[in-house]
Amino acid sequence: MSATREAPRQHWARIQESGSVAGMRIMVWIRRRLGRLPFTFMLQWVILYYFIRHPLARRASRDYLMRIWPQHAGHPPRWPQRLVLRHFQVFGQSLMDKVDAWSGVPLDVRLDAADRACLDEAITGGRGGLMLVSHHGNLEICSAMSDTRDDFHVSQLMHTRNARKFNALMERATQQSGPEIVEVSEITPATAMRLAQRINDGGFVVIAADRVPLAENGRTRDLEFLGAMASFPEGPFWLATLLRCPLYTLSCVREGDHHRVRFQPFDDTTHLKRAEREAWREAAMRRYVGWLGEQCREYPLQWFNFFPYWHADER
């Protein structure tokens, strides 16, 4: 059943995004001007500083890792705080990958044959679609992929001005244009009309479905995620029923010295009847949460949500 929950006292956008923008200014300059080795050296100190000075992020990381690690490794983490620090370091590595992706540095990006065939079919089919993503892995790598194909047009739907500021910073620092950004405070029918044209033209709309909206009246649904209840936004799935288009899941994770992109069909709302929409939304959200859980269990250190996520964390 849908429920509207009061926004937490400090929303995720104010906890994480603003810190990322401030810290990236210096780090982008070091990476661009001094190179990878000095960047890597400085990054370790920056991550250590962030680890020490942000107890809320440490607690959130520990809570997540205590939930996911037994499912990933078969046992609780032996040294939780050391694993939390490792979680922060993996996040730091993702920041360097973001800078490289935006700078046009050649990256080793791999797709399995089935994923590549699905992506090619989606692009050449001309129908466009909605791509459901999450804050797991490094989607900037996927965005950079769109620069390699003239027929792959991507628009990102974002909820915060800080995210736009972050992208503007990267564009200024790297002299590279990022994907088109569509900024909204909440998803409405008017938003759907704007995005429908993009999809009708054969483009793709990317939306993360694992963070609640900024608007206090944003609709959310409470679902079990990694063993406890958490709120997920209904907006992306309302949007899917309004756009009446193919849906896909998109992810990108680091595997050693390369990145693995996965692009898979999720559903298609083209012929979904109005009377079936509510049941479809509930089922689709549960499937999405299940997909996200699988991503986290396989690559637990690449889910970058350093803020209270489950209802129990807000007490």
Protein backbone atom coordinates (compact mmCIF):
# COMPACT_ATOMS: atom_id res chain seq x y z
CA MET A 1 0.00 0.00 0.00
CA SER A 2 1.29 3.44 -0.88
CA ALA A 3 2.19 5.76 1.95
CA THR A 4 3.40 9.31 2.26
CA ARG A 5 6.05 9.54 4.95
CA GLU A 6 7.41 12.70 6.50
CA ALA A 7 10.78 13.66 5.15
CA PRO A 8 13.69 12.81 7.49
CA ARG A 9 15.07 15.68 9.52
CA GLN A 10 18.07 15.79 7.18
CA HIS A 11 17.40 14.61 3.64
CA TRP A 12 19.92 12.49 1.72
CA ALA A 13 20.50 15.34 -0.75
CA ARG A 14 21.79 17.59 2.04
CA ILE A 15 23.88 14.82 3.60
CA GLN A 16 25.78 13.50 0.61
CA GLU A 17 25.54 15.60 -2.53
CA SER A 18 26.80 18.89 -1.12
CA GLY A 19 29.88 17.26 0.39
CA SER A 20 30.71 15.57 -2.90
CA VAL A 21 30.58 18.84 -4.85
CA ALA A 22 32.83 20.69 -2.41
CA GLY A 23 35.44 17.96 -2.23
CA MET A 24 35.57 17.37 -5.96
CA ARG A 25 36.77 20.89 -6.79
CA ILE A 26 40.29 20.29 -5.53
CA MET A 27 40.43 16.64 -6.55
CA VAL A 28 39.44 17.35 -10.15
CA TRP A 29 42.19 19.98 -10.37
CA ILE A 30 44.81 17.52 -9.03
CA ARG A 31 43.74 14.76 -11.40
CA ARG A 32 43.74 17.07 -14.41
CA ARG A 33 46.92 19.01 -13.66
CA LEU A 34 49.15 16.58 -11.73
CA GLY A 35 48.07 13.17 -12.98
CA ARG A 36 46.78 9.87 -11.66
CA LEU A 37 49.51 9.03 -9.10
CA PRO A 38 49.31 12.32 -7.14
CA PHE A 39 45.52 12.10 -7.34
CA THR A 40 45.57 8.58 -5.90
CA PHE A 41 47.91 9.65 -3.10
CA MET A 42 45.81 12.69 -2.17
CA LEU A 43 42.62 10.70 -2.47
CA GLN A 44 43.69 8.37 0.34
CA TRP A 45 44.11 11.33 2.69
CA VAL A 46 40.85 12.91 1.60
CA ILE A 47 38.98 9.66 2.20
CA LEU A 48 40.62 9.22 5.59
CA TYR A 49 39.66 12.78 6.54
CA TYR A 50 36.10 12.20 5.41
CA PHE A 51 36.01 8.91 7.33
CA ILE A 52 37.13 10.60 10.55
CA ARG A 53 35.00 13.74 10.28
CA HIS A 54 31.66 12.19 9.23
CA PRO A 55 30.31 9.89 11.94
CA LEU A 56 26.85 9.78 10.32
CA ALA A 57 28.33 8.39 7.11
CA ARG A 58 30.39 5.87 9.10
CA ARG A 59 27.32 4.66 10.98
CA ALA A 60 25.29 4.41 7.78
CA SER A 61 28.05 2.44 6.05
CA ARG A 62 28.44 0.12 9.02
CA ASP A 63 24.71 -0.49 9.23
CA TYR A 64 24.55 -1.36 5.54
CA LEU A 65 27.62 -3.60 5.68
CA MET A 66 26.34 -5.45 8.75
CA ARG A 67 23.19 -6.21 6.77
CA ILE A 68 24.79 -7.17 3.47
CA TRP A 69 28.06 -8.84 4.42
CA PRO A 70 26.56 -12.08 5.83
CA GLN A 71 24.61 -12.44 2.57
CA HIS A 72 27.74 -11.79 0.52
CA ALA A 73 30.43 -13.64 2.46
CA GLY A 74 28.39 -16.01 4.63
CA HIS A 75 29.49 -14.40 7.89
CA PRO A 76 29.42 -10.96 9.58
CA PRO A 77 32.43 -8.70 8.95
CA ARG A 78 35.29 -9.60 11.28
CA TRP A 79 36.59 -6.04 11.51
CA PRO A 80 33.58 -3.79 10.81
CA GLN A 81 35.39 -0.46 11.05
CA ARG A 82 38.15 -1.62 8.72
CA LEU A 83 35.52 -2.72 6.24
CA VAL A 84 33.77 0.65 6.56
CA LEU A 85 37.05 2.39 5.70
CA ARG A 86 37.43 0.07 2.72
CA HIS A 87 33.88 1.06 1.68
CA PHE A 88 34.94 4.72 1.74
CA GLN A 89 38.07 3.93 -0.27
CA VAL A 90 36.05 2.17 -2.97
CA PHE A 91 33.87 5.28 -3.14
CA GLY A 92 37.03 7.33 -3.59
CA GLN A 93 38.08 5.10 -6.47
CA SER A 94 34.70 5.71 -8.08
CA LEU A 95 35.35 9.46 -7.90
CA MET A 96 38.59 9.04 -9.82
CA ASP A 97 36.75 6.92 -12.37
CA LYS A 98 34.16 9.68 -12.74
CA VAL A 99 36.85 12.23 -13.49
CA ASP A 100 38.48 9.92 -16.02
CA ALA A 101 35.17 9.17 -17.71
CA TRP A 102 34.29 12.86 -18.03
CA SER A 103 37.83 13.69 -19.20
CA GLY A 104 37.68 11.30 -22.12
CA VAL A 105 40.37 8.99 -20.68
CA PRO A 106 40.01 5.60 -22.41
CA LEU A 107 38.47 3.11 -19.99
CA ASP A 108 38.21 -0.64 -20.24
CA VAL A 109 34.43 -1.09 -20.38
CA ARG A 110 33.06 -4.56 -21.08
CA LEU A 111 29.63 -5.91 -21.92
CA ASP A 112 28.72 -9.55 -22.19
CA ALA A 113 27.42 -10.61 -25.58
CA ALA A 114 23.80 -10.75 -24.37
CA ASP A 115 23.95 -7.29 -22.81
CA ARG A 116 25.58 -5.79 -25.91
CA ALA A 117 22.96 -7.38 -28.16
CA CYS A 118 20.17 -6.03 -25.95
CA LEU A 119 21.67 -2.54 -25.98
CA ASP A 120 22.16 -2.59 -29.76
CA GLU A 121 18.60 -3.78 -30.30
CA ALA A 122 17.20 -1.10 -27.99
CA ILE A 123 19.14 1.66 -29.76
CA THR A 124 18.58 0.59 -33.34
CA GLY A 125 14.91 -0.24 -32.71
CA GLY A 126 14.18 3.48 -32.50
CA ARG A 127 11.62 3.21 -29.69
CA GLY A 128 13.75 4.63 -26.92
CA GLY A 129 12.90 3.74 -23.35
CA LEU A 130 13.22 4.31 -19.62
CA MET A 131 16.38 3.02 -17.94
CA LEU A 132 16.08 2.26 -14.23
CA VAL A 133 19.35 2.71 -12.37
CA SER A 134 20.51 3.02 -8.77
CA HIS A 135 23.34 4.52 -6.73
CA HIS A 136 25.22 1.25 -7.00
CA GLY A 137 28.33 1.26 -9.13
CA ASN A 138 29.42 4.10 -11.39
CA LEU A 139 26.88 5.28 -13.92
CA GLU A 140 29.11 8.08 -15.17
CA ILE A 141 30.92 5.36 -17.11
CA CYS A 142 27.65 4.53 -18.85
CA SER A 143 27.04 8.20 -19.57
CA ALA A 144 30.47 8.43 -21.16
CA MET A 145 29.53 5.51 -23.40
CA SER A 146 26.83 7.65 -25.00
CA ASP A 147 29.58 9.83 -26.46
CA THR A 148 30.85 6.92 -28.53
CA ARG A 149 27.63 6.47 -30.51
CA ASP A 150 25.77 9.12 -32.47
CA ASP A 151 22.53 7.13 -32.18
CA PHE A 152 22.62 6.73 -28.38
CA HIS A 153 20.95 9.77 -26.76
CA VAL A 154 20.58 9.82 -22.99
CA SER A 155 18.80 12.26 -20.67
CA GLN A 156 19.25 12.01 -16.91
CA LEU A 157 16.37 12.82 -14.59
CA MET A 158 17.71 14.38 -11.38
CA HIS A 159 16.03 15.68 -8.26
CA THR A 160 18.61 18.09 -6.86
CA ARG A 161 20.30 21.31 -7.83
CA ASN A 162 23.47 19.98 -6.19
CA ALA A 163 23.61 17.18 -8.74
CA ARG A 164 23.40 19.76 -11.51
CA LYS A 165 26.16 21.79 -9.84
CA PHE A 166 28.31 18.67 -9.63
CA ASN A 167 27.86 18.00 -13.35
CA ALA A 168 28.56 21.65 -14.18
CA LEU A 169 31.77 21.45 -12.15
CA MET A 170 32.87 18.37 -14.06
CA GLU A 171 32.09 19.99 -17.40
CA ARG A 172 34.13 23.08 -16.54
CA ALA A 173 37.04 21.08 -15.19
CA THR A 174 37.23 18.50 -17.97
CA GLN A 175 36.02 20.59 -20.92
CA GLN A 176 33.68 17.72 -21.79
CA SER A 177 29.90 17.92 -22.07
CA GLY A 178 27.91 15.52 -19.94
CA PRO A 179 24.52 13.98 -20.65
CA GLU A 180 21.43 16.14 -20.85
CA ILE A 181 20.03 16.81 -17.39
CA VAL A 182 16.32 17.16 -16.69
CA GLU A 183 15.93 18.63 -13.21
CA VAL A 184 12.64 18.14 -11.35
CA SER A 185 11.56 18.38 -7.73
CA GLU A 186 8.92 15.69 -8.26
CA ILE A 187 7.58 13.62 -11.13
CA THR A 188 4.29 14.96 -12.49
CA PRO A 189 2.22 14.39 -15.66
CA ALA A 190 3.82 17.56 -17.03
CA THR A 191 7.24 15.96 -16.51
CA ALA A 192 6.04 12.87 -18.33
CA MET A 193 4.97 14.94 -21.33
CA ARG A 194 8.41 16.51 -21.57
CA LEU A 195 10.13 13.15 -21.40
CA ALA A 196 7.72 11.34 -23.71
CA GLN A 197 8.97 13.39 -26.63
CA ARG A 198 12.54 12.36 -25.91
CA ILE A 199 11.57 8.71 -25.91
CA ASN A 200 9.38 9.06 -29.00
CA ASP A 201 12.45 10.45 -30.76
CA GLY A 202 14.33 7.27 -29.89
CA GLY A 203 16.18 8.60 -26.86
CA PHE A 204 16.53 7.12 -23.39
CA VAL A 205 15.65 8.58 -20.01
CA VAL A 206 17.75 7.48 -17.05
CA ILE A 207 16.23 7.62 -13.57
CA ALA A 208 17.44 6.31 -10.22
CA ALA A 209 14.68 4.55 -8.31
CA ASP A 210 16.40 3.99 -4.96
CA ARG A 211 16.08 7.42 -3.30
CA VAL A 212 12.98 9.14 -2.01
CA PRO A 213 12.01 12.47 -3.61
CA LEU A 214 12.82 15.84 -2.10
CA ALA A 215 9.18 16.95 -2.13
CA GLU A 216 7.52 16.25 1.21
CA ASN A 217 4.38 15.03 -0.55
CA GLY A 218 6.32 12.63 -2.76
CA ARG A 219 4.71 9.22 -2.90
CA THR A 220 6.77 6.36 -1.48
CA ARG A 221 6.23 2.70 -0.84
CA ASP A 222 7.67 0.77 2.10
CA LEU A 223 9.36 -2.43 0.93
CA GLU A 224 11.67 -4.97 2.50
CA PHE A 225 15.24 -4.42 1.38
CA LEU A 226 18.11 -6.49 2.73
CA GLY A 227 16.03 -7.73 5.63
CA ALA A 228 14.44 -4.48 6.84
CA MET A 229 11.86 -1.95 5.67
CA ALA A 230 12.92 1.05 3.62
CA SER A 231 11.08 3.65 1.56
CA PHE A 232 11.35 3.66 -2.22
CA PRO A 233 9.93 6.31 -4.56
CA GLU A 234 6.85 5.47 -6.58
CA GLY A 235 7.59 8.30 -9.03
CA PRO A 236 9.78 6.35 -11.48
CA PHE A 237 7.11 3.67 -11.79
CA TRP A 238 4.26 6.16 -12.18
CA LEU A 239 6.39 7.71 -14.90
CA ALA A 240 6.82 4.33 -16.58
CA THR A 241 3.05 3.85 -16.82
CA LEU A 242 2.59 7.35 -18.25
CA LEU A 243 5.37 7.01 -20.83
CA ARG A 244 4.12 3.63 -22.07
CA CYS A 245 7.51 2.45 -23.27
CA PRO A 246 10.12 -0.29 -22.85
CA LEU A 247 11.97 -0.39 -19.52
CA TYR A 248 15.50 -1.54 -18.90
CA THR A 249 17.88 -1.88 -15.98
CA LEU A 250 21.35 -0.42 -16.35
CA SER A 251 24.33 -0.91 -14.06
CA CYS A 252 28.07 -0.46 -14.18
CA VAL A 253 30.46 -1.99 -11.63
CA ARG A 254 34.22 -2.08 -11.30
CA GLU A 255 35.76 -5.53 -11.62
CA GLY A 256 39.47 -5.27 -10.93
CA ASP A 257 40.99 -3.00 -13.58
CA HIS A 258 37.91 -2.80 -15.81
CA HIS A 259 34.21 -1.91 -15.67
CA ARG A 260 31.34 -4.27 -16.34
CA VAL A 261 28.18 -2.77 -17.85
CA ARG A 262 24.92 -4.67 -17.69
CA PHE A 263 21.95 -3.63 -19.79
CA GLN A 264 18.90 -5.86 -19.49
CA PRO A 265 15.20 -5.67 -20.34
CA PHE A 266 12.97 -5.07 -17.32
CA ASP A 267 9.44 -4.67 -18.70
CA ASP A 268 7.31 -2.86 -21.27
CA THR A 269 4.32 -0.66 -20.41
CA THR A 270 3.35 0.09 -24.01
CA HIS A 271 0.14 -1.94 -23.85
CA LEU A 272 -0.46 -1.76 -20.10
CA LYS A 273 -4.15 -1.12 -19.37
CA ARG A 274 -5.16 1.65 -17.00
CA ALA A 275 -6.87 -0.83 -14.66
CA GLU A 276 -3.64 -2.80 -14.39
CA ARG A 277 -1.35 0.09 -13.50
CA GLU A 278 -1.57 -0.09 -9.71
CA ALA A 279 -0.88 -3.82 -9.59
CA TRP A 280 1.96 -3.39 -12.08
CA ARG A 281 3.58 -0.62 -10.05
CA GLU A 282 3.61 -2.69 -6.89
CA ALA A 283 5.01 -5.76 -8.65
CA ALA A 284 7.56 -3.70 -10.61
CA MET A 285 8.84 -1.95 -7.49
CA ARG A 286 9.32 -5.27 -5.74
CA ARG A 287 11.22 -6.61 -8.73
CA TYR A 288 13.39 -3.49 -8.82
CA VAL A 289 14.20 -3.80 -5.12
CA GLY A 290 15.05 -7.45 -5.68
CA TRP A 291 17.35 -6.47 -8.56
CA LEU A 292 19.06 -3.85 -6.39
CA GLY A 293 19.54 -6.39 -3.62
CA GLU A 294 21.21 -8.77 -6.06
CA GLN A 295 23.59 -6.00 -7.16
CA CYS A 296 24.52 -5.24 -3.55
CA ARG A 297 25.06 -8.88 -2.63
CA GLU A 298 27.35 -9.41 -5.62
CA TYR A 299 29.30 -6.13 -5.23
CA PRO A 300 28.61 -4.99 -1.65
CA LEU A 301 31.24 -2.24 -1.49
CA GLN A 302 29.90 -0.42 -4.55
CA TRP A 303 26.60 0.83 -3.13
CA PHE A 304 27.31 4.47 -2.31
CA ASN A 305 24.58 5.65 0.06
CA PHE A 306 26.32 7.08 3.10
CA PHE A 307 23.22 8.19 4.98
CA PRO A 308 20.49 6.46 7.07
CA TYR A 309 18.44 4.35 4.69
CA TRP A 310 16.21 2.00 6.65
CA HIS A 311 13.35 3.07 8.88
CA ALA A 312 15.14 1.80 11.96
CA ASP A 313 18.00 4.22 11.21
CA GLU A 314 15.70 7.23 11.63
CA ARG A 315 14.80 6.51 15.20
